[in-house]
Amino acid sequence: MSDLGLQVGGVLTSFVLQDYAVLDTIEVWVDDNRIPMDETNGGTYDETYKIVYFHGDGIPPRGSEIVISYEVGAPG
């Protein structure tokens, strides 16, 4: 399990993970609120580039703390 935290100074719409993730294990938290994996108002994961994208209401406000946890997997 990998757990990444980041204090955001600007508006962040994507975040590159350190390792490849097992899709079903990804959990995204913004300021202690869980963000759903959702294309409209949440997050999505690009397995090729190890990127979590934020969409709609899921885009973290400026200054937010973001935590992404996931099980480390193999390349996509």
Protein backbone atom coordinates (compact mmCIF):
# COMPACT_ATOMS: atom_id res chain seq x y z
CA MET A 1 0.00 0.00 0.00
CA SER A 2 1.34 3.40 -0.92
CA ASP A 3 0.06 6.57 0.70
CA LEU A 4 0.85 10.01 -0.70
CA GLY A 5 0.06 13.34 0.89
CA LEU A 6 0.40 16.79 -0.61
CA GLN A 7 -0.37 20.28 0.62
CA VAL A 8 -1.69 22.09 -2.43
CA GLY A 9 -0.79 25.74 -2.93
CA GLY A 10 -2.55 26.17 -6.28
CA VAL A 11 -5.42 24.42 -8.04
CA LEU A 12 -4.46 20.87 -8.90
CA THR A 13 -6.31 18.92 -11.59
CA SER A 14 -3.94 15.95 -11.85
CA PHE A 15 -1.40 14.13 -9.71
CA VAL A 16 1.27 11.67 -10.87
CA LEU A 17 1.57 8.65 -8.59
CA GLN A 18 4.97 7.32 -7.57
CA ASP A 19 4.02 3.72 -8.47
CA TYR A 20 1.46 1.98 -10.68
CA ALA A 21 -1.79 1.42 -8.77
CA VAL A 22 -4.33 -1.38 -8.66
CA LEU A 23 -7.41 0.51 -9.88
CA ASP A 24 -9.91 -0.94 -7.41
CA THR A 25 -7.73 0.00 -4.43
CA ILE A 26 -7.32 3.74 -5.16
CA GLU A 27 -8.76 6.04 -2.48
CA VAL A 28 -8.55 9.82 -2.86
CA TRP A 29 -9.09 12.14 0.10
CA VAL A 30 -9.24 15.94 -0.01
CA ASP A 31 -9.19 17.62 3.41
CA ASP A 32 -10.44 14.38 5.05
CA ASN A 33 -13.33 14.02 2.55
CA ARG A 34 -13.27 10.96 0.32
CA ILE A 35 -13.55 11.82 -3.38
CA PRO A 36 -15.31 9.19 -5.53
CA MET A 37 -13.64 7.70 -8.57
CA ASP A 38 -16.00 9.36 -11.06
CA GLU A 39 -15.46 11.02 -14.47
CA THR A 40 -17.91 13.85 -13.76
CA ASN A 41 -17.31 14.96 -10.15
CA GLY A 42 -14.45 12.93 -8.76
CA GLY A 43 -11.26 11.32 -9.92
CA THR A 44 -10.09 8.97 -12.66
CA TYR A 45 -6.87 7.00 -13.04
CA ASP A 46 -4.76 6.77 -16.19
CA GLU A 47 -3.06 3.37 -15.94
CA THR A 48 -0.54 4.16 -18.69
CA TYR A 49 0.94 7.27 -17.06
CA LYS A 50 0.13 6.64 -13.34
CA ILE A 51 -1.94 9.86 -13.16
CA VAL A 52 -5.01 10.59 -11.05
CA TYR A 53 -7.13 13.30 -12.70
CA PHE A 54 -9.65 15.41 -10.78
CA HIS A 55 -12.97 16.43 -12.40
CA GLY A 56 -15.83 18.83 -11.59
CA ASP A 57 -16.65 19.00 -7.88
CA GLY A 58 -13.71 16.64 -7.24
CA ILE A 59 -11.11 19.31 -8.11
CA PRO A 60 -9.44 20.21 -4.80
CA PRO A 61 -9.72 23.84 -3.66
CA ARG A 62 -6.51 25.85 -3.35
CA GLY A 63 -4.61 25.00 -0.15
CA SER A 64 -6.19 21.55 0.25
CA GLU A 65 -4.46 18.52 1.68
CA ILE A 66 -4.65 15.60 -0.76
CA VAL A 67 -4.04 11.99 0.26
CA ILE A 68 -4.05 9.19 -2.29
CA SER A 69 -3.70 5.62 -1.08
CA TYR A 70 -3.50 2.53 -3.24
CA GLU A 71 -2.09 -0.94 -3.59
CA VAL A 72 1.03 -0.97 -5.76
CA GLY A 73 0.50 -2.86 -9.01
CA ALA A 74 2.27 -3.69 -12.24
CA PRO A 75 2.47 -1.42 -15.30
CA GLY A 76 -0.79 -1.16 -17.20
